[in-house]
Protein backbone atom coordinates (compact mmCIF):
# COMPACT_ATOMS: atom_id res chain seq x y z
CA UNK A 1 177.77 15.98 47.20
CA UNK A 2 180.65 17.76 45.50
CA UNK A 3 184.19 16.47 46.00
CA UNK A 4 187.53 18.04 45.14
CA UNK A 5 190.11 15.51 43.99
CA UNK A 6 193.71 16.77 44.06
CA UNK A 7 195.79 14.03 42.43
CA UNK A 8 198.58 14.26 39.84
CA UNK A 9 198.57 10.62 38.72
CA UNK A 10 196.40 10.51 35.56
CA UNK A 11 195.52 6.82 35.90
CA UNK A 12 194.38 7.15 39.51
CA UNK A 13 192.62 10.44 38.80
CA UNK A 14 190.61 9.05 35.89
CA UNK A 15 189.66 5.94 37.86
CA UNK A 16 188.45 7.97 40.85
CA UNK A 17 186.61 10.44 38.64
CA UNK A 18 184.72 7.59 36.98
CA UNK A 19 183.99 5.57 40.12
CA UNK A 20 182.87 8.49 42.27
CA UNK A 21 180.82 9.91 39.42
CA UNK A 22 179.08 6.55 39.02
CA UNK A 23 178.24 6.76 42.74
CA UNK A 24 176.45 10.06 42.13
CA UNK A 25 179.16 12.38 43.43
CA UNK A 26 180.13 15.53 41.55
CA UNK A 27 183.92 15.52 41.30
CA UNK A 28 186.29 18.35 40.33
CA UNK A 29 189.77 17.05 39.54
CA UNK A 30 192.93 19.16 39.67
CA UNK A 31 196.50 17.92 39.37
CA UNK A 32 198.66 20.23 41.46
CA UNK A 33 198.69 22.16 44.71
CA UNK A 34 198.14 25.71 43.36
CA UNK A 35 195.12 24.61 41.30
CA UNK A 36 193.76 22.86 44.39
CA UNK A 37 194.03 26.07 46.40
CA UNK A 38 192.30 28.03 43.64
CA UNK A 39 189.43 25.54 43.50
CA UNK A 40 188.94 25.71 47.27
CA UNK A 41 188.77 29.51 47.12
CA UNK A 42 186.13 29.44 44.40
CA UNK A 43 183.84 26.58 45.44
CA UNK A 44 182.44 24.79 48.46
CA UNK A 45 183.14 21.06 48.81
CA UNK A 46 181.81 18.30 51.04
CA UNK A 47 185.18 16.50 51.09
CA UNK A 48 188.68 16.99 49.66
CA UNK A 49 190.64 13.93 48.51
CA UNK A 50 194.25 15.05 48.76
CA UNK A 51 197.40 13.39 47.49
CA UNK A 52 200.59 14.58 49.20
CA UNK A 53 203.18 14.26 46.43
CA UNK A 54 201.86 17.08 44.24
CA UNK A 55 203.73 19.40 41.88
CA UNK A 56 203.82 23.11 42.73
CA UNK A 57 202.87 22.66 46.37
CA UNK A 58 202.71 19.48 48.41
CA UNK A 59 199.48 18.19 49.85
CA UNK A 60 200.72 18.69 53.39
CA UNK A 61 201.65 22.32 52.64
CA UNK A 62 198.21 22.90 51.14
CA UNK A 63 196.53 21.28 54.16
CA UNK A 64 198.58 23.35 56.60
CA UNK A 65 197.65 26.61 54.87
CA UNK A 66 194.02 25.56 54.58
CA UNK A 67 193.71 24.99 58.32
CA UNK A 68 195.65 28.14 59.20
CA UNK A 69 193.12 30.10 57.14
CA UNK A 70 190.31 28.61 59.21
CA UNK A 71 188.92 26.39 56.45
CA UNK A 72 187.34 23.31 58.06
CA UNK A 73 186.48 21.42 54.86
CA UNK A 74 186.99 17.69 55.61
CA UNK A 75 190.23 16.38 54.07
CA UNK A 76 190.96 12.73 53.36
CA UNK A 77 194.60 12.10 52.45
CA UNK A 78 195.28 9.53 49.72
CA UNK A 79 198.91 8.47 49.49
CA UNK A 80 201.24 5.62 48.61
CA UNK A 81 203.19 6.05 51.86
CA UNK A 82 202.04 3.98 54.80
CA UNK A 83 204.74 4.70 57.42
CA UNK A 84 203.55 5.82 60.83
CA UNK A 85 205.36 9.18 60.89
CA UNK A 86 203.77 10.19 57.59
CA UNK A 87 200.28 9.34 58.84
CA UNK A 88 200.81 11.16 62.13
CA UNK A 89 202.14 14.26 60.36
CA UNK A 90 199.07 14.42 58.13
CA UNK A 91 196.64 13.99 61.00
CA UNK A 92 198.46 16.57 63.10
CA UNK A 93 198.18 19.07 60.25
CA UNK A 94 194.41 18.68 60.32
CA UNK A 95 193.52 15.77 58.04
CA UNK A 96 190.26 14.04 58.92
CA UNK A 97 191.23 10.62 57.63
CA UNK A 98 193.89 8.70 55.71
CA UNK A 99 193.81 5.99 53.07
CA UNK A 100 196.82 4.25 51.52
CA UNK A 101 197.11 3.36 47.84
CA UNK A 102 196.16 0.96 46.41
CA UNK A 103 192.69 0.85 47.96
CA UNK A 104 189.29 -0.52 47.11
CA UNK A 105 186.63 1.97 46.05
CA UNK A 106 184.23 0.54 48.63
CA UNK A 107 186.65 1.48 51.40
CA UNK A 108 187.16 5.00 50.04
CA UNK A 109 183.40 5.55 49.83
CA UNK A 110 182.99 4.22 53.37
CA UNK A 111 185.61 6.65 54.63
CA UNK A 112 183.87 9.53 52.85
CA UNK A 113 180.62 8.53 54.55
CA UNK A 114 182.40 8.38 57.91
CA UNK A 115 183.75 11.91 57.44
CA UNK A 116 180.25 13.14 56.65
CA UNK A 117 178.82 11.41 59.72
CA UNK A 118 181.36 13.16 61.93
CA UNK A 119 180.30 16.48 60.40
CA UNK A 120 176.70 15.65 61.37
CA UNK A 121 177.52 14.91 64.98
CA UNK A 122 178.67 11.32 64.60
CA UNK A 123 175.24 9.81 64.17
CA UNK A 124 175.30 6.06 64.51
CA UNK A 125 175.92 3.48 61.82
CA UNK A 126 175.52 5.09 58.39
CA UNK A 127 172.36 7.15 58.72
CA UNK A 128 171.44 10.81 58.98
CA UNK A 129 168.17 11.53 60.77
CA UNK A 130 166.26 14.79 61.03
CA UNK A 131 162.65 14.79 62.12
CA UNK A 132 160.72 12.32 59.94
CA UNK A 133 163.50 12.15 57.35
CA UNK A 134 166.16 9.44 57.44
CA UNK A 135 168.98 8.92 54.93
CA UNK A 136 171.05 5.74 54.81
CA UNK A 137 174.40 6.88 53.39
CA UNK A 138 175.45 3.41 52.29
CA UNK A 139 172.33 2.00 50.65
CA UNK A 140 170.86 5.34 49.47
CA UNK A 141 167.57 4.37 51.10
CA UNK A 142 165.43 7.30 52.20
CA UNK A 143 162.59 6.95 54.70
CA UNK A 144 160.01 9.68 55.24
CA UNK A 145 156.66 9.43 57.04
CA UNK A 146 156.28 5.73 56.48
CA UNK A 147 157.50 5.74 52.88
CA UNK A 148 160.84 4.13 52.09
CA UNK A 149 162.64 4.07 48.75
CA UNK A 150 166.15 3.52 47.43
CA UNK A 151 167.00 6.60 45.38
CA UNK A 152 169.30 7.08 42.45
CA UNK A 153 172.65 8.62 43.30
CA UNK A 154 171.72 12.09 42.03
CA UNK A 155 168.39 12.25 43.88
CA UNK A 156 170.05 11.06 47.07
CA UNK A 157 172.81 13.64 46.70
CA UNK A 158 170.27 16.46 46.45
CA UNK A 159 168.59 15.41 49.69
CA UNK A 160 172.00 15.05 51.34
CA UNK A 161 172.92 18.65 50.44
CA UNK A 162 169.68 19.91 52.00
CA UNK A 163 170.20 17.72 55.09
CA UNK A 164 173.58 19.31 55.76
CA UNK A 165 171.80 22.48 56.94
CA UNK A 166 168.19 21.77 57.96
CA UNK A 167 166.12 24.93 57.90
CA UNK A 168 168.54 26.80 55.65
CA UNK A 169 167.43 27.89 52.19
CA UNK A 170 169.62 26.46 49.42
CA UNK A 171 169.43 28.29 46.10
CA UNK A 172 169.36 26.78 42.64
CA UNK A 173 172.93 27.87 41.95
CA UNK A 174 174.14 26.37 45.24
CA UNK A 175 172.45 23.06 44.48
CA UNK A 176 173.87 22.98 40.95
CA UNK A 177 177.34 23.70 42.30
CA UNK A 178 177.13 20.85 44.80
CA UNK A 179 175.52 18.32 42.44
CA UNK A 180 177.42 18.81 39.20
CA UNK A 181 181.15 18.78 38.50
CA UNK A 182 183.15 20.79 36.00
CA UNK A 183 182.26 20.08 32.41
CA UNK A 184 178.83 18.59 33.13
CA UNK A 185 176.02 20.15 31.12
CA UNK A 186 173.20 21.31 33.39
CA UNK A 187 169.74 21.91 31.97
CA UNK A 188 167.96 25.05 33.19
CA UNK A 189 165.29 23.00 34.96
CA UNK A 190 167.54 20.19 36.19
CA UNK A 191 167.04 20.95 39.89
CA UNK A 192 163.25 21.15 39.53
CA UNK A 193 163.21 17.79 37.74
CA UNK A 194 165.13 16.16 40.60
CA UNK A 195 162.92 17.72 43.27
CA UNK A 196 159.76 16.69 41.40
CA UNK A 197 161.02 13.09 41.27
CA UNK A 198 161.66 13.08 45.04
CA UNK A 199 158.26 14.62 45.83
CA UNK A 200 156.55 12.11 43.59
CA UNK A 201 157.86 9.34 45.84
CA UNK A 202 157.40 10.97 49.24
CA UNK A 203 154.94 13.87 48.88
CA UNK A 204 155.55 17.58 48.47
CA UNK A 205 156.32 18.25 52.16
CA UNK A 206 159.65 16.44 52.08
CA UNK A 207 161.23 19.47 50.37
CA UNK A 208 159.85 22.95 50.94
CA UNK A 209 160.09 25.67 48.31
CA UNK A 210 160.51 29.38 49.03
CA UNK A 211 159.57 30.96 45.72
CA UNK A 212 162.41 32.92 44.21
CA UNK A 213 164.85 31.89 46.95
CA UNK A 214 165.38 28.14 46.91
CA UNK A 215 164.55 24.92 48.76
CA UNK A 216 164.97 23.48 52.23
CA UNK A 217 164.13 20.61 54.55
CA UNK A 218 162.35 21.85 57.66
CA UNK A 219 164.54 22.73 60.63
CA UNK A 220 162.03 21.38 63.14
CA UNK A 221 160.27 18.06 62.97
CA UNK A 222 156.64 18.47 61.87
């Protein structure tokens, strides 16, 4: 998945960039409100991690304008303020969740997973299920037609992108955009290498290829 981090504190930003990257998430990091708006106009994100006290434009102002424009990208506010009025204001503006600094990375990742579950209809516990394919968002275990394996973060992220829209064709450029952050070098065959590794574990039917168009997981259960 690809995450937009809007945070002006360099220490916190670097720590989140490293930790989320280690968890297999592609992270774009900007340090002020206007750059955050520009990134959201140019790219699609699974989740936005939004600090409020930003230079140029506050996080709450950015969130308000985002929702007024009809953008439903999930937003998780990260802030040092824990007073009730501040939390209520953020939620009323359209935030999906709230986490107060300092926080443990395990909690942040759990909240990201919870936001994704709500996007997928609130499926129980920490799993996404479609037909014969089941993804455990916490353990990165994938089960398909009797085969079960724990995948690396990058392989799991690719399947997660496809599972967001079963039956929809996802192009190479769309997959690269969701899997790799700014500054990451992407080999020309990187997507094919990942898909080959997944098929090697589960068989070729887990991901279907439409030559010249992209890849998909089947909309209907086989």
